[in-house]
Amino acid sequence: MSHTPYALRKPFWTPGVLVLSALMLSGAVVIIARFVGGIGYVSNLSTARPWGLWIGVDVASGVALAAGGFTTAFLAHILGRHAYEPVVRPALLTAMLGYTFVVLGLMVDIGRSWAIWKPMLHWNPNSVLFEVAMCVMFYLTVLYIEFLPAVIEQFKGRVNLPGVFGILNKPIDAFLHGADAVLGKIMWMFIIAGVVLSCMHQSSLGSLMLIAPTKVHPLWYTPILPLMFLTSAITVGYPMVVVEATIATSSMDLDPEMEVLSPLSRFTVFLLGFYMILKIGDMMVRGTFVYLLDGTYQTNAFLVEMGLGVIVPFVLLSFRRVRASRRGLFTACALVVFGVLLNRINVFVVGYRPPISDGLYYPSIGEVMVTVGLIATLMFLYRVIITFLPVFSRPDTEVTR
């Protein structure tokens, strides 16, 4: 059955949106304080401990949880599984906003944010961080291009700017008509580029931590950390699509799309099983299982990550009854998302302990407010876009009634 994207056109200023606005305002106040008073004014970061919550959640986790964009595009457009088309555009939207969220998080975290453009001109091909920066920049551009058809569908032939801006109506409409004619012929190149760029920087985030063998706990440090990061990102792609789609359709009282989400979860069983074997096998080969009973906060975090984030959802998704249940599928996929989120926090924050750092790191209230504010901004923009642009799809039979 073919589907037609449509704008929701539902009332926008709901109580939930007002709460998001308040969180955004609180985060904005702290961000202003950060740029006025410096990073140390609002965070618990230091020279000995240069990164924390902002890198662990805003950057590393944001990149991983945005993987649904390239995994669904690969499935629907490259493998030709067009039955999954209804979830591609929402997944691309989540990925686009997620990577925008990553860039905003970096702007807050790095000391000289006004110099963030310099890697584009001053290349360092020996730096893993340079490769990550360039891939993220190019992939974010690709995501905006991939999402452009939604804008074209909504406004082509209907551009009507008010007042003095009316002189731009014809140029903008001409641009939309031209882009519509060209993108249909070359979009396949951007889809392939998006998959390649995503695989490159997802693994490179793991490569970044290979230079810190004495600082990362043995339960997470491994020579195959790049493969671990790439595999976990691919694994969480479809569960993130399920979580995002379930929350959005439930809150907006839409069709739950179980005819698409339930079959999609079958791929997750295989991917999660492969990731679990990879993690356990690596632990056995390196002998790091001896740390499991240490009772430290780091080993406890690892056990929670593997237990609730990998083993439990793998068992749940192995049952067809769970995959066919909206609540069961959401619970299992939410656990996968939680597991990958915790993995990134564990690698970059919990398991990362510089020898010269004094005591444990705990994020300050300011760090938490910035992160919550950025997440609220992401959700707010998501709500704006699905309200006014054709993102969600419904069967053509519903459109023609």
Protein backbone atom coordinates (compact mmCIF):
# COMPACT_ATOMS: atom_id res chain seq x y z
CA MET A 1 0.00 0.00 0.00
CA SER A 2 1.40 3.43 -0.97
CA HIS A 3 1.45 6.29 1.52
CA THR A 4 1.15 10.04 1.15
CA PRO A 5 3.00 12.43 3.52
CA TYR A 6 0.90 15.18 5.06
CA ALA A 7 1.20 18.02 7.57
CA LEU A 8 -0.65 17.37 10.82
CA ARG A 9 -2.16 20.86 11.19
CA LYS A 10 -3.06 20.24 14.83
CA PRO A 11 -3.23 22.90 17.57
CA PHE A 12 0.34 23.83 18.39
CA TRP A 13 0.38 25.52 21.80
CA THR A 14 -0.45 22.54 23.97
CA PRO A 15 0.59 22.16 27.66
CA GLY A 16 3.50 19.96 26.55
CA VAL A 17 4.79 22.62 24.15
CA LEU A 18 4.56 25.24 26.92
CA VAL A 19 6.67 23.01 29.18
CA LEU A 20 9.23 22.63 26.39
CA SER A 21 9.30 26.42 25.99
CA ALA A 22 10.04 26.87 29.70
CA LEU A 23 12.88 24.32 29.55
CA MET A 24 14.27 26.03 26.45
CA LEU A 25 14.25 29.39 28.23
CA SER A 26 16.02 27.95 31.28
CA GLY A 27 18.69 26.37 29.09
CA ALA A 28 19.14 29.63 27.15
CA VAL A 29 19.78 31.53 30.40
CA VAL A 30 22.54 29.10 31.37
CA ILE A 31 24.06 29.19 27.87
CA ILE A 32 24.23 32.99 28.07
CA ALA A 33 25.91 32.65 31.47
CA ARG A 34 28.38 30.15 29.98
CA PHE A 35 29.46 32.56 27.24
CA VAL A 36 29.60 35.55 29.60
CA GLY A 37 31.34 33.90 32.54
CA GLY A 38 33.14 31.02 30.80
CA ILE A 39 32.71 27.24 30.94
CA GLY A 40 33.91 27.00 34.54
CA TYR A 41 31.15 29.39 35.64
CA VAL A 42 28.36 26.93 34.86
CA SER A 43 30.07 23.50 34.81
CA ASN A 44 32.22 21.17 36.91
CA LEU A 45 34.71 20.73 34.07
CA SER A 46 38.39 21.49 34.61
CA THR A 47 41.78 21.19 32.94
CA ALA A 48 42.13 17.71 34.42
CA ARG A 49 38.57 16.77 33.45
CA PRO A 50 37.93 18.62 30.15
CA TRP A 51 34.74 16.83 29.14
CA GLY A 52 31.68 15.43 30.79
CA LEU A 53 27.92 15.46 30.28
CA TRP A 54 27.97 17.69 27.21
CA ILE A 55 30.29 15.35 25.29
CA GLY A 56 28.82 12.12 26.67
CA VAL A 57 25.18 13.01 25.98
CA ASP A 58 24.96 16.02 23.68
CA VAL A 59 27.61 14.81 21.22
CA ALA A 60 28.40 11.09 21.50
CA SER A 61 24.86 9.98 22.37
CA GLY A 62 23.26 12.46 19.99
CA VAL A 63 25.26 11.06 17.07
CA ALA A 64 24.42 7.45 17.97
CA LEU A 65 20.69 8.01 18.51
CA ALA A 66 20.41 9.84 15.19
CA ALA A 67 21.45 6.66 13.34
CA GLY A 68 17.85 5.90 12.38
CA GLY A 69 18.21 8.36 9.51
CA PHE A 70 20.85 6.47 7.56
CA THR A 71 19.67 2.97 8.54
CA THR A 72 16.10 3.53 7.31
CA ALA A 73 17.32 5.36 4.18
CA PHE A 74 19.60 2.40 3.45
CA LEU A 75 16.77 -0.07 3.97
CA ALA A 76 14.10 1.73 1.95
CA HIS A 77 16.09 3.41 -0.82
CA ILE A 78 19.24 1.34 -1.33
CA LEU A 79 17.85 -2.13 -0.57
CA GLY A 80 14.52 -1.18 -2.17
CA ARG A 81 12.31 -2.18 0.78
CA HIS A 82 9.73 0.47 -0.04
CA ALA A 83 7.23 -0.87 2.49
CA TYR A 84 9.23 1.04 5.10
CA GLU A 85 8.91 4.39 3.31
CA PRO A 86 6.37 5.78 5.86
CA VAL A 87 9.02 5.87 8.60
CA VAL A 88 11.88 7.21 6.49
CA ARG A 89 10.95 10.88 6.58
CA PRO A 90 10.30 10.99 10.37
CA ALA A 91 13.63 9.17 10.86
CA LEU A 92 15.43 11.68 8.64
CA LEU A 93 13.83 14.52 10.60
CA THR A 94 15.03 13.01 13.88
CA ALA A 95 18.52 12.55 12.46
CA MET A 96 18.62 16.10 11.07
CA LEU A 97 17.58 17.62 14.38
CA GLY A 98 19.86 15.22 16.27
CA TYR A 99 22.95 16.30 14.37
CA THR A 100 21.95 19.95 14.68
CA PHE A 101 21.71 19.26 18.42
CA VAL A 102 25.27 17.81 18.30
CA VAL A 103 26.64 20.96 16.66
CA LEU A 104 24.89 23.20 19.20
CA GLY A 105 26.27 21.04 22.02
CA LEU A 106 29.78 21.42 20.61
CA MET A 107 29.34 25.17 20.37
CA VAL A 108 28.67 25.24 24.11
CA ASP A 109 31.37 22.73 25.04
CA ILE A 110 34.47 23.88 23.15
CA GLY A 111 36.43 26.73 24.65
CA ARG A 112 36.71 28.87 21.51
CA SER A 113 33.39 28.25 19.81
CA TRP A 114 33.97 31.09 17.35
CA ALA A 115 36.77 28.99 15.81
CA ILE A 116 34.60 25.96 15.07
CA TRP A 117 34.92 26.67 11.34
CA LYS A 118 38.72 26.26 11.29
CA PRO A 119 38.86 22.50 10.48
CA MET A 120 37.32 23.34 7.10
CA LEU A 121 40.45 25.32 6.16
CA HIS A 122 43.19 23.96 8.43
CA TRP A 123 43.24 20.25 7.68
CA ASN A 124 44.92 17.68 9.90
CA PRO A 125 44.51 14.32 8.11
CA ASN A 126 46.29 12.51 10.96
CA SER A 127 43.59 13.48 13.47
CA VAL A 128 40.60 11.24 14.13
CA LEU A 129 38.76 14.24 15.55
CA PHE A 130 39.29 16.08 12.25
CA GLU A 131 37.67 13.17 10.38
CA VAL A 132 34.73 13.19 12.79
CA ALA A 133 34.29 16.94 12.41
CA MET A 134 34.32 16.85 8.61
CA CYS A 135 31.99 13.84 8.38
CA VAL A 136 29.48 15.37 10.78
CA MET A 137 29.56 18.66 8.88
CA PHE A 138 29.06 16.99 5.49
CA TYR A 139 26.44 14.55 6.78
CA LEU A 140 24.42 17.33 8.39
CA THR A 141 24.42 19.09 5.02
CA VAL A 142 23.31 15.86 3.34
CA LEU A 143 20.48 15.47 5.86
CA TYR A 144 19.15 18.95 5.13
CA ILE A 145 19.24 18.16 1.40
CA GLU A 146 17.47 14.82 1.95
CA PHE A 147 14.74 16.57 3.92
CA LEU A 148 14.32 19.38 1.37
CA PRO A 149 11.61 17.49 -0.63
CA ALA A 150 9.26 17.88 2.36
CA VAL A 151 9.70 21.66 2.18
CA ILE A 152 9.23 21.63 -1.60
CA GLU A 153 6.01 19.61 -1.36
CA GLN A 154 4.54 22.04 1.12
CA PHE A 155 5.48 25.36 -0.44
CA LYS A 156 6.05 24.83 -4.19
CA GLY A 157 3.58 27.07 -6.00
CA ARG A 158 2.27 28.44 -2.69
CA VAL A 159 5.01 30.84 -1.56
CA ASN A 160 3.27 33.92 -0.16
CA LEU A 161 5.52 36.02 2.05
CA PRO A 162 3.88 39.04 3.70
CA GLY A 163 4.61 42.73 3.22
CA VAL A 164 7.94 43.84 1.81
CA PHE A 165 9.14 40.24 1.71
CA GLY A 166 6.67 39.64 -1.12
CA ILE A 167 9.36 40.53 -3.65
CA LEU A 168 11.02 37.21 -2.73
CA ASN A 169 8.00 35.10 -3.62
CA LYS A 170 8.94 34.50 -7.25
CA PRO A 171 12.68 33.83 -6.65
CA ILE A 172 11.93 31.37 -3.83
CA ASP A 173 9.24 29.62 -5.86
CA ALA A 174 11.61 29.39 -8.82
CA PHE A 175 14.25 27.86 -6.54
CA LEU A 176 11.76 25.30 -5.21
CA HIS A 177 10.67 24.31 -8.74
CA GLY A 178 14.29 24.00 -9.84
CA ALA A 179 15.27 21.99 -6.76
CA ASP A 180 12.29 19.70 -7.27
CA ALA A 181 13.33 19.01 -10.85
CA VAL A 182 16.98 18.36 -9.97
CA LEU A 183 16.77 16.53 -6.64
CA GLY A 184 14.63 13.73 -8.03
CA LYS A 185 17.47 12.82 -10.39
CA ILE A 186 20.43 13.10 -8.03
CA MET A 187 18.97 12.23 -4.61
CA TRP A 188 20.42 8.72 -4.84
CA MET A 189 23.92 10.22 -4.59
CA PHE A 190 23.08 11.99 -1.33
CA ILE A 191 21.49 8.85 0.12
CA ILE A 192 24.63 6.82 -0.59
CA ALA A 193 26.84 9.64 0.71
CA GLY A 194 24.77 9.81 3.89
CA VAL A 195 25.23 6.09 4.59
CA VAL A 196 28.98 6.24 3.92
CA LEU A 197 29.56 9.38 6.00
CA SER A 198 27.53 7.99 8.88
CA CYS A 199 29.48 4.73 8.98
CA MET A 200 32.75 6.69 8.90
CA HIS A 201 32.13 9.00 11.82
CA GLN A 202 30.11 6.53 13.92
CA SER A 203 33.17 4.28 14.01
CA SER A 204 35.59 7.20 14.33
CA LEU A 205 34.00 8.27 17.60
CA GLY A 206 35.24 4.93 18.92
CA SER A 207 38.64 5.48 17.30
CA LEU A 208 38.86 8.74 19.22
CA MET A 209 39.01 6.82 22.51
CA LEU A 210 41.74 4.45 21.29
CA ILE A 211 44.32 7.11 22.14
CA ALA A 212 43.38 6.87 25.83
CA PRO A 213 44.21 3.27 26.86
CA THR A 214 45.25 4.32 30.37
CA LYS A 215 42.20 6.51 30.92
CA VAL A 216 39.29 4.30 29.82
CA HIS A 217 38.21 1.39 32.05
CA PRO A 218 39.19 -2.06 30.62
CA LEU A 219 35.54 -3.10 30.41
CA TRP A 220 35.07 -0.54 27.62
CA TYR A 221 38.53 -0.01 26.20
CA THR A 222 39.19 -2.46 23.39
CA PRO A 223 41.11 -2.38 20.10
CA ILE A 224 37.81 -2.99 18.29
CA LEU A 225 36.10 0.00 19.90
CA PRO A 226 35.45 1.59 16.46
CA LEU A 227 33.62 -1.60 15.40
CA MET A 228 31.70 -1.56 18.69
CA PHE A 229 30.56 2.02 18.12
CA LEU A 230 29.54 1.37 14.50
CA THR A 231 27.68 -1.83 15.38
CA SER A 232 25.83 -0.28 18.30
CA ALA A 233 24.84 2.74 16.18
CA ILE A 234 23.41 0.50 13.44
CA THR A 235 21.70 -1.60 16.11
CA VAL A 236 19.97 1.36 17.75
CA GLY A 237 18.80 2.86 14.44
CA TYR A 238 15.55 0.93 14.07
CA PRO A 239 14.67 0.88 17.81
CA MET A 240 15.05 4.68 17.82
CA VAL A 241 12.63 4.87 14.89
CA VAL A 242 10.15 2.74 16.85
CA VAL A 243 10.51 4.87 20.01
CA GLU A 244 10.21 8.16 18.12
CA ALA A 245 7.24 6.97 16.03
CA THR A 246 5.39 5.51 19.04
CA ILE A 247 5.79 8.65 21.15
CA ALA A 248 4.80 10.93 18.27
CA THR A 249 1.78 8.91 17.14
CA SER A 250 0.57 8.42 20.73
CA SER A 251 0.85 12.09 21.65
CA MET A 252 -0.76 13.24 18.39
CA ASP A 253 -3.45 10.52 18.33
CA LEU A 254 -2.29 9.08 15.00
CA ASP A 255 -2.20 5.62 13.45
CA PRO A 256 0.42 3.59 15.41
CA GLU A 257 1.99 2.26 12.16
CA MET A 258 2.45 -1.21 13.67
CA GLU A 259 2.25 -2.74 10.17
CA VAL A 260 5.62 -1.07 9.52
CA LEU A 261 7.22 -0.99 12.98
CA SER A 262 6.60 -4.62 13.87
CA PRO A 263 8.39 -6.06 10.79
CA LEU A 264 11.14 -3.47 11.24
CA SER A 265 11.92 -4.88 14.68
CA ARG A 266 12.91 -8.22 13.18
CA PHE A 267 16.11 -6.64 11.91
CA THR A 268 16.85 -5.45 15.44
CA VAL A 269 16.84 -9.01 16.79
CA PHE A 270 19.66 -9.98 14.45
CA LEU A 271 21.63 -6.76 14.92
CA LEU A 272 21.28 -6.77 18.70
CA GLY A 273 22.28 -10.44 18.84
CA PHE A 274 25.40 -9.74 16.79
CA TYR A 275 26.29 -6.78 19.02
CA MET A 276 25.78 -8.88 22.16
CA ILE A 277 28.03 -11.66 20.84
CA LEU A 278 30.63 -9.05 19.89
CA LYS A 279 30.60 -7.49 23.36
CA ILE A 280 30.69 -10.77 25.30
CA GLY A 281 33.25 -12.34 22.95
CA ASP A 282 35.56 -9.34 23.23
CA MET A 283 35.26 -9.45 27.01
CA MET A 284 36.12 -13.16 27.10
CA VAL A 285 39.07 -12.86 24.69
CA ARG A 286 40.62 -9.96 26.60
CA GLY A 287 39.81 -11.50 29.98
CA THR A 288 38.14 -8.37 31.28
CA PHE A 289 35.32 -10.43 32.79
CA VAL A 290 37.44 -10.50 35.97
CA TYR A 291 36.27 -6.92 36.66
CA LEU A 292 32.57 -7.80 36.70
CA LEU A 293 32.45 -8.60 40.41
CA ASP A 294 34.55 -5.67 41.61
CA GLY A 295 31.48 -3.89 42.92
CA THR A 296 32.68 -0.47 41.76
CA TYR A 297 30.33 2.09 40.21
CA GLN A 298 32.01 1.45 36.85
CA THR A 299 31.43 -2.32 36.84
CA ASN A 300 27.87 -1.79 38.09
CA ALA A 301 27.28 0.63 35.21
CA PHE A 302 28.61 -1.97 32.76
CA LEU A 303 26.32 -4.66 34.18
CA VAL A 304 23.29 -2.37 33.87
CA GLU A 305 24.29 -1.47 30.31
CA MET A 306 24.61 -5.11 29.25
CA GLY A 307 21.71 -6.46 31.29
CA LEU A 308 18.96 -3.90 30.70
CA GLY A 309 20.30 -2.45 27.46
CA VAL A 310 21.30 -5.59 25.54
CA ILE A 311 20.31 -8.96 27.02
CA VAL A 312 16.78 -8.14 28.24
CA PRO A 313 15.61 -6.42 25.01
CA PHE A 314 17.18 -9.21 22.93
CA VAL A 315 15.15 -11.79 24.83
CA LEU A 316 11.97 -9.70 24.58
CA LEU A 317 12.30 -9.05 20.85
CA SER A 318 12.89 -12.75 20.22
CA PHE A 319 9.18 -13.32 20.91
CA ARG A 320 6.79 -12.57 18.06
CA ARG A 321 4.08 -11.67 20.59
CA VAL A 322 6.26 -8.84 21.92
CA ARG A 323 7.06 -7.56 18.44
CA ALA A 324 3.35 -7.54 17.57
CA SER A 325 2.38 -5.63 20.73
CA ARG A 326 2.65 -1.87 20.62
CA ARG A 327 3.49 -1.60 24.32
CA GLY A 328 5.85 -4.59 24.28
CA LEU A 329 7.68 -3.37 21.17
CA PHE A 330 8.05 0.13 22.59
CA THR A 331 9.39 -1.21 25.90
CA ALA A 332 11.96 -3.47 24.26
CA CYS A 333 13.12 -0.77 21.81
CA ALA A 334 13.28 1.84 24.58
CA LEU A 335 15.62 -0.50 26.47
CA VAL A 336 17.87 -0.75 23.41
CA VAL A 337 17.96 3.04 23.15
CA PHE A 338 18.71 3.23 26.88
CA GLY A 339 21.53 0.70 26.48
CA VAL A 340 23.29 2.60 23.69
CA LEU A 341 22.78 5.91 25.50
CA LEU A 342 24.29 4.41 28.65
CA ASN A 343 27.14 2.90 26.61
CA ARG A 344 28.18 6.30 25.28
CA ILE A 345 27.91 7.86 28.75
CA ASN A 346 29.92 4.97 30.20
CA VAL A 347 32.71 5.26 27.62
CA PHE A 348 33.02 9.04 27.67
CA VAL A 349 32.13 9.81 31.29
CA VAL A 350 31.81 6.86 33.69
CA GLY A 351 34.64 4.74 32.30
CA TYR A 352 36.85 7.72 31.47
CA ARG A 353 39.13 8.58 34.37
CA PRO A 354 42.21 10.74 33.70
CA PRO A 355 45.02 9.79 36.15
CA ILE A 356 45.51 13.42 37.21
CA SER A 357 41.85 14.15 37.91
CA ASP A 358 40.87 14.66 41.53
CA GLY A 359 37.81 12.75 42.74
CA LEU A 360 34.75 11.82 40.76
CA TYR A 361 33.06 13.99 38.17
CA TYR A 362 29.44 14.97 38.67
CA PRO A 363 27.67 17.26 36.19
CA SER A 364 26.66 20.61 37.61
CA ILE A 365 23.12 21.96 37.56
CA GLY A 366 24.21 24.27 34.75
CA GLU A 367 25.41 21.37 32.61
CA VAL A 368 22.16 19.50 33.17
CA MET A 369 20.06 22.58 32.34
CA VAL A 370 21.95 23.16 29.08
CA THR A 371 21.48 19.53 28.02
CA VAL A 372 17.79 19.51 29.00
CA GLY A 373 17.30 22.85 27.23
CA LEU A 374 18.87 21.56 24.02
CA ILE A 375 16.78 18.38 24.10
CA ALA A 376 13.65 20.49 24.68
CA THR A 377 14.64 22.64 21.68
CA LEU A 378 15.01 19.53 19.55
CA MET A 379 11.56 18.30 20.58
CA PHE A 380 10.05 21.77 20.06
CA LEU A 381 11.42 21.99 16.52
CA TYR A 382 10.22 18.46 15.81
CA ARG A 383 6.73 19.52 16.87
CA VAL A 384 6.87 22.62 14.67
CA ILE A 385 8.04 20.72 11.60
CA ILE A 386 5.56 17.84 11.78
CA THR A 387 2.75 20.36 12.30
CA PHE A 388 3.48 22.43 9.20
CA LEU A 389 5.41 20.10 6.85
CA PRO A 390 4.43 16.73 5.32
CA VAL A 391 6.43 14.31 7.47
CA PHE A 392 4.09 11.58 8.68
CA SER A 393 2.34 9.41 6.12
CA ARG A 394 -1.08 7.85 5.80
CA PRO A 395 -2.35 5.25 3.31
CA ASP A 396 -3.59 6.64 0.01
CA THR A 397 -6.96 5.02 0.71
CA GLU A 398 -7.42 7.48 3.59
CA VAL A 399 -6.45 10.42 1.43
CA THR A 400 -8.99 9.63 -1.27
CA ARG A 401 -11.96 9.16 1.07
